[in-house]
Amino acid sequence: MYDAIGHYFIHLIYGYYPYLAGTVFLLGSLVRFDHGQYTWKTGSSQMLSSRHMRLASNLFHVGIIVIFFGHLVGMLTPHWVYAPFLHAGTKQLVAIVVGGIAGAMCLVGGGMLLYRRLFMARVRQSSSLMDTLILAILVVQAGLGMGTIFFSLGHMDGEMMLTLSSWAQAIVFFSGGAADYMQDVSWIYKVHIFLGLTIILLFPFTRLVHVWSAPFGYVTRRYQLVRRRG
């Protein structure tokens, strides 16, 4: 009976929940952009208290960007693409080193930002419950990610990375049977993935929507001529 219940929840969380989270993520973002333009902002609190703000923000944002693209490339790149020149164990080692550095940056920076939200009166009063909640979840997620490193060090053959990648690719490419890959995975990876999916689910209802408006155009745009030289 307990095996049947566990099997049911594995398929519910890692087979169906990803599609629920992804649907809410896309449709929710679209609806909020269309109907909530005035809420589409970062809600920066730097003007209220700038103490250590630049350091904390830079650590957090650089760390989370590296983590995001690292997961995106690492999880969704099929094994056959890099197998001829990169062993799975080597790839896992690279992921541990790069992810460990980026995770530490995200954890420290996020912890500093969360401290501001909780213990600086002016910042706390201007923060919504969701502002604090999503930041706390991100910090916990970064901590869980750091925790997975110790589990990964116990099996450096790359098999666990291949298993998790197979799950992610089965979800994204609608291959079917994705949840079966998660049956024998360690609890910390399961919690880490579940919390990551929950962040995706909550995304449209938080300040994280400003990610869609990242000003990449500033990098390539021409200079604006304000006035001619005399």
C-alpha atoms as a PDB file:
ATOM      1  CA  MET A   1       0.000   0.000   0.000  1.00  0.00           C
ATOM      2  CA  TYR A   2       2.738   2.436   0.975  1.00  0.00           C
ATOM      3  CA  ASP A   3       4.613   1.603  -2.222  1.00  0.00           C
ATOM      4  CA  ALA A   4       1.487   2.333  -4.245  1.00  0.00           C
ATOM      5  CA  ILE A   5       0.981   5.691  -2.499  1.00  0.00           C
ATOM      6  CA  GLY A   6       4.637   6.604  -3.002  1.00  0.00           C
ATOM      7  CA  HIS A   7       4.418   5.615  -6.666  1.00  0.00           C
ATOM      8  CA  TYR A   8       1.317   7.797  -7.055  1.00  0.00           C
ATOM      9  CA  PHE A   9       2.951  10.873  -5.518  1.00  0.00           C
ATOM     10  CA  ILE A  10       6.123  10.413  -7.575  1.00  0.00           C
ATOM     11  CA  HIS A  11       4.063  10.480 -10.765  1.00  0.00           C
ATOM     12  CA  LEU A  12       1.926  13.365  -9.494  1.00  0.00           C
ATOM     13  CA  ILE A  13       4.867  15.570  -8.512  1.00  0.00           C
ATOM     14  CA  TYR A  14       7.418  14.677 -11.184  1.00  0.00           C
ATOM     15  CA  GLY A  15       5.115  13.675 -14.023  1.00  0.00           C
ATOM     16  CA  TYR A  16       2.183  16.119 -13.901  1.00  0.00           C
ATOM     17  CA  TYR A  17       3.211  18.979 -11.602  1.00  0.00           C
ATOM     18  CA  PRO A  18       5.915  20.220 -14.041  1.00  0.00           C
ATOM     19  CA  TYR A  19       3.273  20.803 -16.721  1.00  0.00           C
ATOM     20  CA  LEU A  20       0.966  22.558 -14.263  1.00  0.00           C
ATOM     21  CA  ALA A  21       3.826  24.810 -13.145  1.00  0.00           C
ATOM     22  CA  GLY A  22       4.884  25.497 -16.738  1.00  0.00           C
ATOM     23  CA  THR A  23       1.336  26.358 -17.834  1.00  0.00           C
ATOM     24  CA  VAL A  24       0.798  28.764 -14.938  1.00  0.00           C
ATOM     25  CA  PHE A  25       4.253  30.239 -15.588  1.00  0.00           C
ATOM     26  CA  LEU A  26       3.516  31.071 -19.238  1.00  0.00           C
ATOM     27  CA  LEU A  27      -0.172  31.985 -19.082  1.00  0.00           C
ATOM     28  CA  GLY A  28       0.173  33.789 -15.762  1.00  0.00           C
ATOM     29  CA  SER A  29       3.033  35.918 -17.068  1.00  0.00           C
ATOM     30  CA  LEU A  30       1.048  36.787 -20.200  1.00  0.00           C
ATOM     31  CA  VAL A  31      -2.090  37.716 -18.248  1.00  0.00           C
ATOM     32  CA  ARG A  32      -0.152  39.828 -15.763  1.00  0.00           C
ATOM     33  CA  PHE A  33       1.690  41.644 -18.553  1.00  0.00           C
ATOM     34  CA  ASP A  34      -1.620  42.345 -20.271  1.00  0.00           C
ATOM     35  CA  HIS A  35      -3.684  43.334 -17.221  1.00  0.00           C
ATOM     36  CA  GLY A  36      -1.156  44.381 -14.579  1.00  0.00           C
ATOM     37  CA  GLN A  37       1.312  46.708 -16.263  1.00  0.00           C
ATOM     38  CA  TYR A  38       1.711  48.863 -13.156  1.00  0.00           C
ATOM     39  CA  THR A  39       2.763  45.835 -11.105  1.00  0.00           C
ATOM     40  CA  TRP A  40       5.394  44.759 -13.660  1.00  0.00           C
ATOM     41  CA  LYS A  41       8.466  46.030 -11.825  1.00  0.00           C
ATOM     42  CA  THR A  42      11.384  44.989  -9.677  1.00  0.00           C
ATOM     43  CA  GLY A  43      10.172  46.919  -6.645  1.00  0.00           C
ATOM     44  CA  SER A  44      13.728  47.867  -5.719  1.00  0.00           C
ATOM     45  CA  SER A  45      14.310  48.960  -2.127  1.00  0.00           C
ATOM     46  CA  GLN A  46      17.748  50.459  -2.711  1.00  0.00           C
ATOM     47  CA  MET A  47      16.547  54.021  -2.085  1.00  0.00           C
ATOM     48  CA  LEU A  48      15.222  52.975   1.331  1.00  0.00           C
ATOM     49  CA  SER A  49      18.489  51.429   2.474  1.00  0.00           C
ATOM     50  CA  SER A  50      21.596  51.103   0.321  1.00  0.00           C
ATOM     51  CA  ARG A  51      23.843  49.543   2.967  1.00  0.00           C
ATOM     52  CA  HIS A  52      25.594  46.525   1.425  1.00  0.00           C
ATOM     53  CA  MET A  53      22.885  46.580  -1.264  1.00  0.00           C
ATOM     54  CA  ARG A  54      25.251  46.600  -4.244  1.00  0.00           C
ATOM     55  CA  LEU A  55      27.356  43.714  -2.938  1.00  0.00           C
ATOM     56  CA  ALA A  56      24.312  41.630  -2.000  1.00  0.00           C
ATOM     57  CA  SER A  57      22.484  42.314  -5.256  1.00  0.00           C
ATOM     58  CA  ASN A  58      25.521  41.579  -7.442  1.00  0.00           C
ATOM     59  CA  LEU A  59      26.307  38.333  -5.641  1.00  0.00           C
ATOM     60  CA  PHE A  60      22.704  37.184  -5.821  1.00  0.00           C
ATOM     61  CA  HIS A  61      22.039  38.108  -9.440  1.00  0.00           C
ATOM     62  CA  VAL A  62      25.330  36.863 -10.876  1.00  0.00           C
ATOM     63  CA  GLY A  63      24.995  33.622  -8.934  1.00  0.00           C
ATOM     64  CA  ILE A  64      21.407  32.973  -9.961  1.00  0.00           C
ATOM     65  CA  ILE A  65      22.071  33.762 -13.632  1.00  0.00           C
ATOM     66  CA  VAL A  66      24.981  31.297 -13.750  1.00  0.00           C
ATOM     67  CA  ILE A  67      22.864  28.687 -11.974  1.00  0.00           C
ATOM     68  CA  PHE A  68      19.935  29.175 -14.338  1.00  0.00           C
ATOM     69  CA  PHE A  69      21.921  28.836 -17.553  1.00  0.00           C
ATOM     70  CA  GLY A  70      24.035  26.066 -16.053  1.00  0.00           C
ATOM     71  CA  HIS A  71      20.919  24.043 -15.287  1.00  0.00           C
ATOM     72  CA  LEU A  72      19.381  24.900 -18.650  1.00  0.00           C
ATOM     73  CA  VAL A  73      22.393  23.723 -20.669  1.00  0.00           C
ATOM     74  CA  GLY A  74      23.416  20.893 -18.356  1.00  0.00           C
ATOM     75  CA  MET A  75      19.991  19.325 -17.949  1.00  0.00           C
ATOM     76  CA  LEU A  76      18.660  19.739 -21.476  1.00  0.00           C
ATOM     77  CA  THR A  77      21.756  18.802 -23.501  1.00  0.00           C
ATOM     78  CA  PRO A  78      21.420  15.153 -24.600  1.00  0.00           C
ATOM     79  CA  HIS A  79      24.249  12.876 -23.512  1.00  0.00           C
ATOM     80  CA  TRP A  80      25.142  11.926 -27.099  1.00  0.00           C
ATOM     81  CA  VAL A  81      26.018  15.561 -27.882  1.00  0.00           C
ATOM     82  CA  TYR A  82      29.002  15.707 -25.505  1.00  0.00           C
ATOM     83  CA  ALA A  83      29.734  11.997 -24.983  1.00  0.00           C
ATOM     84  CA  PRO A  84      32.466  11.809 -27.709  1.00  0.00           C
ATOM     85  CA  PHE A  85      34.662  14.370 -25.940  1.00  0.00           C
ATOM     86  CA  LEU A  86      33.386  14.680 -22.351  1.00  0.00           C
ATOM     87  CA  HIS A  87      32.771  11.901 -19.849  1.00  0.00           C
ATOM     88  CA  ALA A  88      29.634  12.196 -17.733  1.00  0.00           C
ATOM     89  CA  GLY A  89      31.744  12.142 -14.568  1.00  0.00           C
ATOM     90  CA  THR A  90      33.854  15.046 -15.833  1.00  0.00           C
ATOM     91  CA  LYS A  91      30.733  17.004 -16.678  1.00  0.00           C
ATOM     92  CA  GLN A  92      29.450  16.358 -13.165  1.00  0.00           C
ATOM     93  CA  LEU A  93      32.722  17.611 -11.670  1.00  0.00           C
ATOM     94  CA  VAL A  94      32.504  20.803 -13.731  1.00  0.00           C
ATOM     95  CA  ALA A  95      28.901  21.249 -12.600  1.00  0.00           C
ATOM     96  CA  ILE A  96      29.917  20.781  -8.971  1.00  0.00           C
ATOM     97  CA  VAL A  97      32.719  23.364  -9.168  1.00  0.00           C
ATOM     98  CA  VAL A  98      30.864  26.006 -11.194  1.00  0.00           C
ATOM     99  CA  GLY A  99      27.547  25.356  -9.476  1.00  0.00           C
ATOM    100  CA  GLY A 100      29.203  25.410  -6.059  1.00  0.00           C
ATOM    101  CA  ILE A 101      30.747  28.828  -6.666  1.00  0.00           C
ATOM    102  CA  ALA A 102      27.570  30.284  -8.179  1.00  0.00           C
ATOM    103  CA  GLY A 103      25.443  28.665  -5.475  1.00  0.00           C
ATOM    104  CA  ALA A 104      27.583  30.149  -2.718  1.00  0.00           C
ATOM    105  CA  MET A 105      27.285  33.599  -4.329  1.00  0.00           C
ATOM    106  CA  CYS A 106      23.519  33.240  -4.619  1.00  0.00           C
ATOM    107  CA  LEU A 107      23.171  31.948  -1.065  1.00  0.00           C
ATOM    108  CA  VAL A 108      25.285  34.700   0.503  1.00  0.00           C
ATOM    109  CA  GLY A 109      23.791  37.494  -1.604  1.00  0.00           C
ATOM    110  CA  GLY A 110      20.250  36.192  -1.156  1.00  0.00           C
ATOM    111  CA  GLY A 111      20.783  35.813   2.576  1.00  0.00           C
ATOM    112  CA  MET A 112      21.921  39.434   2.815  1.00  0.00           C
ATOM    113  CA  LEU A 113      18.903  40.611   0.822  1.00  0.00           C
ATOM    114  CA  LEU A 114      16.540  38.522   2.950  1.00  0.00           C
ATOM    115  CA  TYR A 115      18.084  39.953   6.111  1.00  0.00           C
ATOM    116  CA  ARG A 116      17.301  43.466   4.808  1.00  0.00           C
ATOM    117  CA  ARG A 117      13.713  42.469   4.114  1.00  0.00           C
ATOM    118  CA  LEU A 118      13.213  41.024   7.567  1.00  0.00           C
ATOM    119  CA  PHE A 119      15.209  43.241   9.921  1.00  0.00           C
ATOM    120  CA  MET A 120      15.446  46.714   8.350  1.00  0.00           C
ATOM    121  CA  ALA A 121      12.251  48.519   9.290  1.00  0.00           C
ATOM    122  CA  ARG A 122      11.928  50.766   6.232  1.00  0.00           C
ATOM    123  CA  VAL A 123      12.562  47.913   3.815  1.00  0.00           C
ATOM    124  CA  ARG A 124      10.247  45.553   5.705  1.00  0.00           C
ATOM    125  CA  GLN A 125       7.378  48.035   5.662  1.00  0.00           C
ATOM    126  CA  SER A 126       7.658  48.511   1.906  1.00  0.00           C
ATOM    127  CA  SER A 127       7.842  44.766   1.192  1.00  0.00           C
ATOM    128  CA  SER A 128       4.832  42.624   0.437  1.00  0.00           C
ATOM    129  CA  LEU A 129       4.407  39.145   1.855  1.00  0.00           C
ATOM    130  CA  MET A 130       5.158  37.666  -1.571  1.00  0.00           C
ATOM    131  CA  ASP A 131       8.378  39.727  -1.853  1.00  0.00           C
ATOM    132  CA  THR A 132       9.719  38.179   1.315  1.00  0.00           C
ATOM    133  CA  LEU A 133       8.317  34.725   0.625  1.00  0.00           C
ATOM    134  CA  ILE A 134       9.813  34.316  -2.853  1.00  0.00           C
ATOM    135  CA  LEU A 135      13.197  35.591  -1.673  1.00  0.00           C
ATOM    136  CA  ALA A 136      13.142  33.158   1.262  1.00  0.00           C
ATOM    137  CA  ILE A 137      12.256  30.287  -1.100  1.00  0.00           C
ATOM    138  CA  LEU A 138      15.110  31.215  -3.424  1.00  0.00           C
ATOM    139  CA  VAL A 139      17.566  31.267  -0.517  1.00  0.00           C
ATOM    140  CA  VAL A 140      16.330  27.871   0.702  1.00  0.00           C
ATOM    141  CA  GLN A 141      16.585  26.548  -2.859  1.00  0.00           C
ATOM    142  CA  ALA A 142      20.167  27.773  -3.112  1.00  0.00           C
ATOM    143  CA  GLY A 143      20.929  26.044   0.186  1.00  0.00           C
ATOM    144  CA  LEU A 144      19.410  22.791  -1.070  1.00  0.00           C
ATOM    145  CA  GLY A 145      21.442  23.102  -4.241  1.00  0.00           C
ATOM    146  CA  MET A 146      24.599  23.421  -2.182  1.00  0.00           C
ATOM    147  CA  GLY A 147      23.493  20.377  -0.202  1.00  0.00           C
ATOM    148  CA  THR A 148      23.200  18.259  -3.351  1.00  0.00           C
ATOM    149  CA  ILE A 149      26.936  18.749  -3.912  1.00  0.00           C
ATOM    150  CA  PHE A 150      27.776  16.493  -0.957  1.00  0.00           C
ATOM    151  CA  PHE A 151      25.481  13.795  -2.322  1.00  0.00           C
ATOM    152  CA  SER A 152      26.977  14.153  -5.802  1.00  0.00           C
ATOM    153  CA  LEU A 153      30.490  13.714  -4.441  1.00  0.00           C
ATOM    154  CA  GLY A 154      29.459  10.241  -3.300  1.00  0.00           C
ATOM    155  CA  HIS A 155      28.952   9.024  -6.871  1.00  0.00           C
ATOM    156  CA  MET A 156      31.214  10.733  -9.361  1.00  0.00           C
ATOM    157  CA  ASP A 157      30.463   8.368 -12.242  1.00  0.00           C
ATOM    158  CA  GLY A 158      27.901  10.822 -13.570  1.00  0.00           C
ATOM    159  CA  GLU A 159      24.994   8.403 -13.426  1.00  0.00           C
ATOM    160  CA  MET A 160      22.886  10.617 -11.165  1.00  0.00           C
ATOM    161  CA  MET A 161      23.386  13.598 -13.471  1.00  0.00           C
ATOM    162  CA  LEU A 162      22.354  11.475 -16.448  1.00  0.00           C
ATOM    163  CA  THR A 163      19.240  10.317 -14.588  1.00  0.00           C
ATOM    164  CA  LEU A 164      18.169  13.860 -13.684  1.00  0.00           C
ATOM    165  CA  SER A 165      18.933  15.063 -17.211  1.00  0.00           C
ATOM    166  CA  SER A 166      16.830  12.245 -18.643  1.00  0.00           C
ATOM    167  CA  TRP A 167      13.930  13.307 -16.414  1.00  0.00           C
ATOM    168  CA  ALA A 168      14.220  16.978 -17.481  1.00  0.00           C
ATOM    169  CA  GLN A 169      14.473  16.086 -21.175  1.00  0.00           C
ATOM    170  CA  ALA A 170      11.500  13.725 -20.931  1.00  0.00           C
ATOM    171  CA  ILE A 171       9.438  16.574 -19.431  1.00  0.00           C
ATOM    172  CA  VAL A 172      10.515  19.271 -21.890  1.00  0.00           C
ATOM    173  CA  PHE A 173      10.339  17.096 -25.001  1.00  0.00           C
ATOM    174  CA  PHE A 174       7.122  15.278 -23.925  1.00  0.00           C
ATOM    175  CA  SER A 175       8.797  11.884 -24.138  1.00  0.00           C
ATOM    176  CA  GLY A 176       6.569  10.225 -21.536  1.00  0.00           C
ATOM    177  CA  GLY A 177       7.548   8.176 -18.497  1.00  0.00           C
ATOM    178  CA  ALA A 178       9.464  11.083 -16.951  1.00  0.00           C
ATOM    179  CA  ALA A 179       8.451  10.245 -13.384  1.00  0.00           C
ATOM    180  CA  ASP A 180       9.987   6.782 -13.650  1.00  0.00           C
ATOM    181  CA  TYR A 181      13.452   8.359 -13.647  1.00  0.00           C
ATOM    182  CA  MET A 182      12.765   9.834 -10.195  1.00  0.00           C
ATOM    183  CA  GLN A 183      11.818   6.599  -8.416  1.00  0.00           C
ATOM    184  CA  ASP A 184      15.243   5.836  -6.930  1.00  0.00           C
ATOM    185  CA  VAL A 185      16.655   9.365  -6.759  1.00  0.00           C
ATOM    186  CA  SER A 186      17.846  10.609  -3.341  1.00  0.00           C
ATOM    187  CA  TRP A 187      15.408  12.723  -1.335  1.00  0.00           C
ATOM    188  CA  ILE A 188      17.453  15.912  -1.555  1.00  0.00           C
ATOM    189  CA  TYR A 189      17.274  15.967  -5.352  1.00  0.00           C
ATOM    190  CA  LYS A 190      13.530  15.351  -5.171  1.00  0.00           C
ATOM    191  CA  VAL A 191      12.997  18.240  -2.753  1.00  0.00           C
ATOM    192  CA  HIS A 192      15.295  20.486  -4.796  1.00  0.00           C
ATOM    193  CA  ILE A 193      13.363  19.780  -8.001  1.00  0.00           C
ATOM    194  CA  PHE A 194       9.970  20.134  -6.297  1.00  0.00           C
ATOM    195  CA  LEU A 195      10.929  23.525  -4.865  1.00  0.00           C
ATOM    196  CA  GLY A 196      12.293  24.605  -8.244  1.00  0.00           C
ATOM    197  CA  LEU A 197       8.979  23.713  -9.885  1.00  0.00           C
ATOM    198  CA  THR A 198       7.144  25.640  -7.155  1.00  0.00           C
ATOM    199  CA  ILE A 199       9.251  28.730  -7.909  1.00  0.00           C
ATOM    200  CA  ILE A 200       8.217  28.405 -11.563  1.00  0.00           C
ATOM    201  CA  LEU A 201       4.574  28.113 -10.459  1.00  0.00           C
ATOM    202  CA  LEU A 202       4.782  31.245  -8.274  1.00  0.00           C
ATOM    203  CA  PHE A 203       6.789  33.238 -10.821  1.00  0.00           C
ATOM    204  CA  PRO A 204       3.895  35.228 -12.390  1.00  0.00           C
ATOM    205  CA  PHE A 205       2.649  36.363  -8.972  1.00  0.00           C
ATOM    206  CA  THR A 206       5.976  37.815  -7.811  1.00  0.00           C
ATOM    207  CA  ARG A 207       8.465  40.494  -8.733  1.00  0.00           C
ATOM    208  CA  LEU A 208      10.393  37.834 -10.664  1.00  0.00           C
ATOM    209  CA  VAL A 209       8.394  38.816 -13.768  1.00  0.00           C
ATOM    210  CA  HIS A 210      10.923  41.604 -14.313  1.00  0.00           C
ATOM    211  CA  VAL A 211      13.202  38.882 -15.715  1.00  0.00           C
ATOM    212  CA  TRP A 212      11.103  39.033 -18.898  1.00  0.00           C
ATOM    213  CA  SER A 213      12.077  42.698 -19.232  1.00  0.00           C
ATOM    214  CA  ALA A 214      15.842  42.255 -18.911  1.00  0.00           C
ATOM    215  CA  PRO A 215      17.333  45.235 -20.805  1.00  0.00           C
ATOM    216  CA  PHE A 216      19.504  43.283 -23.246  1.00  0.00           C
ATOM    217  CA  GLY A 217      18.821  45.936 -25.877  1.00  0.00           C
ATOM    218  CA  TYR A 218      20.991  48.440 -24.011  1.00  0.00           C
ATOM    219  CA  VAL A 219      24.071  46.431 -24.952  1.00  0.00           C
ATOM    220  CA  THR A 220      23.662  46.951 -28.689  1.00  0.00           C
ATOM    221  CA  ARG A 221      21.653  50.160 -28.970  1.00  0.00           C
ATOM    222  CA  ARG A 222      23.185  53.310 -30.465  1.00  0.00           C
ATOM    223  CA  TYR A 223      24.131  56.250 -28.286  1.00  0.00           C
ATOM    224  CA  GLN A 224      21.477  58.928 -27.963  1.00  0.00           C
ATOM    225  CA  LEU A 225      22.586  62.355 -29.087  1.00  0.00           C
ATOM    226  CA  VAL A 226      21.134  64.783 -26.553  1.00  0.00           C
ATOM    227  CA  ARG A 227      22.725  68.010 -27.901  1.00  0.00           C
ATOM    228  CA  ARG A 228      25.332  68.936 -30.430  1.00  0.00           C
ATOM    229  CA  ARG A 229      28.704  70.203 -29.391  1.00  0.00           C
ATOM    230  CA  GLY A 230      29.220  73.912 -29.747  1.00  0.00           C
END
